[in-house]
Amino acid sequence: MDVSIFLARFWGWYLIIFFVVLSFNPKRIKQIFEDLKDEKFLIIASFIAIIVGLLNILFHNIWETNWKLIITLIGWIALFKGLSLFIFPKRTIIWLDVINIKFVQLIYMLLFFLGLFLLNMGYGILLY
């Protein structure tokens, strides 16, 4: 299986599952931000984001102007988010909190539609 197809399926399912969980339990996102104030949780979260971002970039660093760029950007965003949480924890948490409060519905809908788009690319349901 092509790496792009595999990662489209992976990120598509991940984003849809994340959207569903947050839709049925909106208190979960507030709990995550509260947990980020704990340094142990913060370090683990930043390491996981760094590892996921690096793996995504190492296996899929394709800078073409098509749907594959989305997968590459997800990897780079995860890497930068993990690094910023690890290097500048307090500043990053404040920044993430401000973005989440102002754009929460927009972010949720983007996650949902991005997940659907990636699943479509991974499974070829509709022709693109």
Protein backbone atom coordinates (compact mmCIF):
# COMPACT_ATOMS: atom_id res chain seq x y z
CA MET A 1 0.00 0.00 0.00
CA ASP A 2 1.23 3.48 -0.85
CA VAL A 3 2.35 5.52 2.19
CA SER A 4 0.16 8.45 1.12
CA ILE A 5 -2.94 6.23 1.02
CA PHE A 6 -2.11 4.68 4.39
CA LEU A 7 -1.58 8.07 6.04
CA ALA A 8 -4.72 9.50 4.42
CA ARG A 9 -6.70 6.65 5.96
CA PHE A 10 -4.93 6.99 9.31
CA TRP A 11 -5.33 10.78 9.62
CA GLY A 12 -8.86 10.62 8.18
CA TRP A 13 -10.03 8.14 10.80
CA TYR A 14 -8.11 9.94 13.54
CA LEU A 15 -9.73 13.30 12.72
CA ILE A 16 -13.23 11.82 12.44
CA ILE A 17 -12.85 9.97 15.74
CA PHE A 18 -11.47 13.11 17.39
CA PHE A 19 -14.43 15.12 16.05
CA VAL A 20 -16.98 12.56 17.29
CA VAL A 21 -15.42 12.35 20.76
CA LEU A 22 -15.34 16.14 21.12
CA SER A 23 -18.89 16.46 19.78
CA PHE A 24 -20.35 14.00 22.25
CA ASN A 25 -18.14 15.10 25.15
CA PRO A 26 -17.19 18.78 24.76
CA LYS A 27 -15.84 18.86 28.32
CA ARG A 28 -12.96 16.68 27.12
CA ILE A 29 -11.20 19.60 25.39
CA LYS A 30 -11.37 21.67 28.58
CA GLN A 31 -9.93 18.68 30.47
CA ILE A 32 -7.03 18.45 28.00
CA PHE A 33 -6.15 22.11 28.56
CA GLU A 34 -6.34 21.62 32.32
CA ASP A 35 -4.09 18.56 32.05
CA LEU A 36 -1.54 20.56 30.01
CA LYS A 37 -0.90 22.62 33.16
CA ASP A 38 0.60 19.47 34.70
CA GLU A 39 4.26 19.26 33.63
CA LYS A 40 4.31 15.46 33.44
CA PHE A 41 1.34 15.39 31.08
CA LEU A 42 2.82 18.26 29.09
CA ILE A 43 6.14 16.50 28.58
CA ILE A 44 4.46 13.26 27.52
CA ALA A 45 2.10 15.11 25.16
CA SER A 46 4.98 17.05 23.61
CA PHE A 47 7.09 13.90 23.13
CA ILE A 48 4.17 12.09 21.48
CA ALA A 49 3.53 15.05 19.16
CA ILE A 50 7.23 15.21 18.27
CA ILE A 51 7.41 11.47 17.57
CA VAL A 52 4.20 11.42 15.50
CA GLY A 53 5.29 14.52 13.57
CA LEU A 54 8.77 13.13 12.88
CA LEU A 55 7.44 9.75 11.76
CA ASN A 56 4.91 11.42 9.49
CA ILE A 57 7.59 13.68 7.98
CA LEU A 58 10.13 10.88 7.54
CA PHE A 59 7.66 8.63 5.76
CA HIS A 60 5.74 11.34 3.91
CA ASN A 61 7.46 14.64 3.12
CA ILE A 62 5.78 15.28 -0.23
CA TRP A 63 5.44 18.92 -1.25
CA GLU A 64 3.19 18.55 -4.29
CA THR A 65 0.21 20.82 -4.81
CA ASN A 66 -2.42 18.12 -4.32
CA TRP A 67 -4.07 16.32 -1.42
CA LYS A 68 -0.76 14.77 -0.34
CA LEU A 69 0.40 18.18 0.88
CA ILE A 70 -2.26 18.04 3.61
CA ILE A 71 -0.65 14.91 5.07
CA THR A 72 2.78 16.53 5.00
CA LEU A 73 1.45 19.66 6.69
CA ILE A 74 -0.20 17.58 9.43
CA GLY A 75 3.19 16.05 10.19
CA TRP A 76 4.96 19.42 10.27
CA ILE A 77 2.21 20.95 12.45
CA ALA A 78 2.47 18.04 14.90
CA LEU A 79 6.26 18.42 15.04
CA PHE A 80 6.14 22.18 15.60
CA LYS A 81 3.34 21.85 18.15
CA GLY A 82 5.32 19.24 20.08
CA LEU A 83 8.51 21.31 19.95
CA SER A 84 6.71 24.48 21.03
CA LEU A 85 5.04 22.66 23.92
CA PHE A 86 8.41 21.30 24.99
CA ILE A 87 10.47 24.49 24.52
CA PHE A 88 7.89 27.21 25.37
CA PRO A 89 5.21 25.40 27.40
CA LYS A 90 3.41 28.31 29.06
CA ARG A 91 3.37 30.56 25.99
CA THR A 92 2.14 27.72 23.76
CA ILE A 93 -0.64 26.74 26.17
CA ILE A 94 -1.88 30.35 26.29
CA TRP A 95 -1.75 30.56 22.49
CA LEU A 96 -3.62 27.25 22.06
CA ASP A 97 -6.21 28.32 24.65
CA VAL A 98 -6.90 31.61 22.84
CA ILE A 99 -7.24 29.87 19.47
CA ASN A 100 -9.51 27.19 20.91
CA ILE A 101 -11.84 29.67 22.63
CA LYS A 102 -12.23 31.92 19.59
CA PHE A 103 -12.47 29.33 16.84
CA VAL A 104 -13.78 26.18 18.52
CA GLN A 105 -16.73 25.52 16.15
CA LEU A 106 -14.66 26.34 13.08
CA ILE A 107 -11.85 24.04 14.22
CA TYR A 108 -14.28 21.17 14.88
CA MET A 109 -15.91 21.51 11.48
CA LEU A 110 -12.53 21.74 9.73
CA LEU A 111 -11.42 18.58 11.52
CA PHE A 112 -14.57 16.80 10.38
CA PHE A 113 -14.37 17.87 6.73
CA LEU A 114 -10.62 17.31 6.56
CA GLY A 115 -11.13 13.81 7.96
CA LEU A 116 -13.85 13.09 5.40
CA PHE A 117 -11.65 14.40 2.59
CA LEU A 118 -8.68 12.28 3.66
CA LEU A 119 -10.85 9.18 4.02
CA ASN A 120 -12.18 9.81 0.53
CA MET A 121 -8.63 10.07 -0.81
CA GLY A 122 -7.57 6.95 1.10
CA TYR A 123 -10.47 4.78 0.03
CA GLY A 124 -11.34 6.41 -3.30
CA ILE A 125 -15.05 6.64 -2.52
CA LEU A 126 -15.71 9.67 -4.72
CA LEU A 127 -13.57 10.60 -7.66
CA TYR A 128 -11.44 13.68 -7.11
